[in-house]
N, C-alpha and C. Protein backbone atom coordinates (compact mmCIF):
# COMPACT_ATOMS: atom_id res chain seq x y z
N MET A 1 0.83 -1.19 0.00
CA MET A 1 0.00 0.00 0.00
C MET A 1 0.88 1.26 0.00
N GLN A 2 2.02 1.19 0.68
CA GLN A 2 2.91 2.35 0.69
C GLN A 2 3.35 2.71 -0.74
N PHE A 3 3.65 1.71 -1.53
CA PHE A 3 4.05 1.94 -2.91
C PHE A 3 2.97 2.70 -3.67
N TYR A 4 1.72 2.26 -3.53
CA TYR A 4 0.63 2.89 -4.26
C TYR A 4 0.35 4.30 -3.76
N LEU A 5 0.45 4.51 -2.45
CA LEU A 5 0.28 5.86 -1.91
C LEU A 5 1.40 6.79 -2.37
N ALA A 6 2.61 6.26 -2.44
CA ALA A 6 3.74 7.06 -2.92
C ALA A 6 3.54 7.41 -4.39
N LYS A 7 3.15 6.45 -5.18
CA LYS A 7 2.93 6.66 -6.61
C LYS A 7 1.82 7.69 -6.84
N LEU A 8 0.74 7.58 -6.08
CA LEU A 8 -0.37 8.54 -6.20
C LEU A 8 0.08 9.93 -5.78
N GLY A 9 0.79 10.02 -4.67
CA GLY A 9 1.28 11.32 -4.21
C GLY A 9 2.17 12.00 -5.24
N LYS A 10 3.09 11.23 -5.82
CA LYS A 10 3.96 11.78 -6.87
C LYS A 10 3.15 12.26 -8.06
N SER A 11 2.14 11.46 -8.45
CA SER A 11 1.32 11.85 -9.62
C SER A 11 0.53 13.13 -9.36
N LEU A 12 0.26 13.42 -8.08
CA LEU A 12 -0.46 14.64 -7.72
C LEU A 12 0.49 15.82 -7.52
N GLY A 13 1.79 15.57 -7.68
CA GLY A 13 2.77 16.65 -7.61
C GLY A 13 3.41 16.86 -6.25
N TYR A 14 3.17 15.96 -5.33
CA TYR A 14 3.74 16.09 -3.99
C TYR A 14 5.12 15.44 -3.90
N ASN A 15 5.93 15.95 -2.98
CA ASN A 15 7.11 15.22 -2.55
C ASN A 15 6.60 14.12 -1.63
N VAL A 16 7.27 12.99 -1.62
CA VAL A 16 6.79 11.85 -0.84
C VAL A 16 7.87 11.41 0.13
N TRP A 17 7.45 11.11 1.33
CA TRP A 17 8.32 10.50 2.34
C TRP A 17 7.74 9.14 2.70
N ILE A 18 8.57 8.13 2.66
CA ILE A 18 8.19 6.79 3.12
C ILE A 18 8.96 6.54 4.40
N ALA A 19 8.31 5.92 5.36
CA ALA A 19 8.92 5.69 6.68
C ALA A 19 10.37 5.24 6.53
N ARG A 20 11.23 5.87 7.32
CA ARG A 20 12.67 5.61 7.18
C ARG A 20 13.03 4.16 7.35
N ASN A 21 12.28 3.43 8.17
CA ASN A 21 12.59 2.01 8.38
C ASN A 21 12.07 1.13 7.24
N ASP A 22 11.40 1.71 6.26
CA ASP A 22 10.87 0.95 5.11
C ASP A 22 11.58 1.29 3.80
N HIS A 23 12.56 2.17 3.83
CA HIS A 23 13.23 2.60 2.60
C HIS A 23 13.82 1.44 1.80
N LYS A 24 14.26 0.39 2.46
CA LYS A 24 14.92 -0.71 1.74
C LYS A 24 13.96 -1.82 1.35
N ARG A 25 12.71 -1.71 1.78
CA ARG A 25 11.72 -2.73 1.40
C ARG A 25 11.35 -2.57 -0.06
N ALA A 26 10.86 -3.65 -0.65
CA ALA A 26 10.51 -3.63 -2.07
C ALA A 26 9.07 -4.10 -2.28
N TRP A 27 8.49 -3.59 -3.34
CA TRP A 27 7.18 -4.04 -3.81
C TRP A 27 7.21 -4.00 -5.32
N GLU A 28 6.80 -5.09 -5.94
CA GLU A 28 6.78 -5.20 -7.40
C GLU A 28 8.12 -4.76 -8.00
N ASP A 29 9.19 -5.28 -7.44
CA ASP A 29 10.55 -4.99 -7.89
C ASP A 29 10.94 -3.52 -7.79
N GLN A 30 10.23 -2.76 -6.97
CA GLN A 30 10.53 -1.35 -6.74
C GLN A 30 10.99 -1.18 -5.29
N ILE A 31 12.14 -0.57 -5.09
CA ILE A 31 12.60 -0.26 -3.74
C ILE A 31 11.81 0.96 -3.27
N LEU A 32 11.14 0.86 -2.13
CA LEU A 32 10.28 1.95 -1.67
C LEU A 32 11.05 3.25 -1.49
N GLY A 33 12.29 3.16 -1.04
CA GLY A 33 13.09 4.37 -0.83
C GLY A 33 13.33 5.16 -2.10
N GLU A 34 13.22 4.50 -3.26
CA GLU A 34 13.39 5.21 -4.53
C GLU A 34 12.22 6.16 -4.81
N TRP A 35 11.11 5.96 -4.13
CA TRP A 35 9.93 6.81 -4.27
C TRP A 35 9.92 7.91 -3.23
N SER A 36 10.89 7.90 -2.33
CA SER A 36 10.89 8.77 -1.16
C SER A 36 11.98 9.83 -1.24
N LEU A 37 11.73 10.95 -0.55
CA LEU A 37 12.81 11.88 -0.28
C LEU A 37 13.88 11.12 0.48
N LYS A 38 15.12 11.49 0.30
CA LYS A 38 16.21 10.80 0.99
C LYS A 38 16.28 11.20 2.46
N ASN A 39 15.92 12.45 2.74
CA ASN A 39 15.93 12.96 4.12
C ASN A 39 14.66 13.75 4.36
N LEU A 40 14.11 13.60 5.54
CA LEU A 40 12.92 14.35 5.91
C LEU A 40 13.36 15.59 6.67
N LYS A 41 13.13 16.74 6.08
CA LYS A 41 13.51 18.01 6.70
C LYS A 41 12.26 18.81 6.97
N LEU A 42 11.91 18.92 8.24
CA LEU A 42 10.75 19.69 8.65
C LEU A 42 11.22 20.79 9.60
N GLU A 43 10.78 22.00 9.35
CA GLU A 43 11.21 23.12 10.18
C GLU A 43 10.36 23.23 11.43
N ASN A 44 10.95 23.79 12.46
CA ASN A 44 10.27 24.08 13.73
C ASN A 44 9.71 22.83 14.41
N ILE A 45 10.39 21.70 14.23
CA ILE A 45 9.98 20.46 14.89
C ILE A 45 11.19 19.92 15.63
N SER A 46 10.98 19.57 16.88
CA SER A 46 12.09 19.05 17.68
C SER A 46 12.58 17.71 17.12
N ASP A 47 13.80 17.36 17.46
CA ASP A 47 14.36 16.09 17.00
C ASP A 47 13.54 14.90 17.47
N THR A 48 12.99 14.99 18.67
CA THR A 48 12.17 13.90 19.21
C THR A 48 10.91 13.70 18.37
N VAL A 49 10.25 14.79 18.03
CA VAL A 49 9.03 14.71 17.22
C VAL A 49 9.39 14.27 15.80
N LEU A 50 10.47 14.79 15.26
CA LEU A 50 10.90 14.39 13.91
C LEU A 50 11.19 12.90 13.85
N ASP A 51 11.79 12.37 14.90
CA ASP A 51 12.03 10.92 14.97
C ASP A 51 10.73 10.13 14.85
N THR A 52 9.70 10.58 15.53
CA THR A 52 8.40 9.90 15.48
C THR A 52 7.75 10.08 14.11
N VAL A 53 7.73 11.30 13.61
CA VAL A 53 7.10 11.60 12.32
C VAL A 53 7.78 10.82 11.19
N SER A 54 9.09 10.63 11.29
CA SER A 54 9.82 9.94 10.22
C SER A 54 9.44 8.46 10.11
N LEU A 55 8.68 7.96 11.08
CA LEU A 55 8.23 6.57 11.04
C LEU A 55 6.80 6.41 10.50
N ILE A 56 6.15 7.52 10.18
CA ILE A 56 4.81 7.45 9.56
C ILE A 56 4.97 6.82 8.19
N ASP A 57 4.08 5.89 7.85
CA ASP A 57 4.25 5.08 6.63
C ASP A 57 4.46 5.91 5.37
N VAL A 58 3.59 6.87 5.12
CA VAL A 58 3.73 7.72 3.91
C VAL A 58 3.28 9.13 4.26
N LEU A 59 4.10 10.11 3.86
CA LEU A 59 3.74 11.51 3.98
C LEU A 59 3.76 12.14 2.59
N TRP A 60 2.81 13.01 2.34
CA TRP A 60 2.85 13.84 1.15
C TRP A 60 3.21 15.23 1.61
N LEU A 61 4.18 15.85 0.94
CA LEU A 61 4.64 17.18 1.31
C LEU A 61 4.57 18.12 0.12
N ASP A 62 4.26 19.38 0.39
CA ASP A 62 4.25 20.35 -0.70
C ASP A 62 5.69 20.77 -1.02
N GLN A 63 5.84 21.70 -1.93
CA GLN A 63 7.18 22.10 -2.38
C GLN A 63 7.99 22.79 -1.29
N ASP A 64 7.31 23.28 -0.24
CA ASP A 64 8.01 23.91 0.89
C ASP A 64 8.24 22.93 2.03
N ASN A 65 8.02 21.65 1.77
CA ASN A 65 8.17 20.57 2.76
C ASN A 65 7.21 20.68 3.94
N ASN A 66 6.02 21.20 3.68
CA ASN A 66 4.95 21.17 4.67
C ASN A 66 4.15 19.90 4.45
N ILE A 67 3.81 19.22 5.53
CA ILE A 67 3.03 17.98 5.40
C ILE A 67 1.61 18.33 4.96
N VAL A 68 1.19 17.71 3.88
CA VAL A 68 -0.16 17.89 3.35
C VAL A 68 -1.06 16.75 3.81
N SER A 69 -0.53 15.52 3.76
CA SER A 69 -1.29 14.34 4.18
C SER A 69 -0.33 13.31 4.76
N GLY A 70 -0.84 12.54 5.69
CA GLY A 70 -0.07 11.44 6.26
C GLY A 70 -0.91 10.18 6.28
N PHE A 71 -0.27 9.05 6.05
CA PHE A 71 -0.98 7.78 5.96
C PHE A 71 -0.26 6.73 6.80
N GLU A 72 -1.00 6.05 7.61
CA GLU A 72 -0.49 4.93 8.39
C GLU A 72 -1.25 3.70 7.93
N VAL A 73 -0.54 2.74 7.39
CA VAL A 73 -1.16 1.55 6.82
C VAL A 73 -1.10 0.44 7.85
N GLU A 74 -2.25 -0.13 8.15
CA GLU A 74 -2.32 -1.21 9.14
C GLU A 74 -2.86 -2.47 8.50
N LYS A 75 -2.20 -3.56 8.77
CA LYS A 75 -2.72 -4.84 8.31
C LYS A 75 -2.93 -5.79 9.47
N SER A 76 -2.40 -5.45 10.63
CA SER A 76 -2.50 -6.32 11.79
C SER A 76 -3.61 -5.90 12.75
N THR A 77 -4.22 -4.77 12.48
CA THR A 77 -5.27 -4.25 13.36
C THR A 77 -6.60 -4.33 12.64
N SER A 78 -7.60 -4.86 13.32
CA SER A 78 -8.93 -4.91 12.73
C SER A 78 -9.52 -3.52 12.65
N ILE A 79 -10.23 -3.25 11.58
CA ILE A 79 -10.90 -1.96 11.41
C ILE A 79 -12.38 -2.26 11.23
N TYR A 80 -13.17 -1.57 12.01
CA TYR A 80 -14.61 -1.79 11.97
C TYR A 80 -15.30 -0.49 11.56
N HIS A 81 -16.39 -0.59 10.86
CA HIS A 81 -17.18 0.58 10.51
C HIS A 81 -18.64 0.22 10.58
N LYS A 82 -19.46 1.23 10.70
CA LYS A 82 -20.91 1.01 10.77
C LYS A 82 -21.55 1.35 9.47
């Protein structure tokens, strides 16, 4: 799912960040890190918060590196809706 979210984000013109711990993972012969910014640079955020944010599965960022959308993909947690 990260691959598809990254691909969609790029097609919409966003910079994409994929969780730093997933950069070396692959999907359909694509290394996820190849779809991602190499470094996540966010202004006015402490190192502690940046550490946490850098683990979010997929972020879409505008040209000024402001977060536009964030996605956390879960496959181990049940999701219920009414």
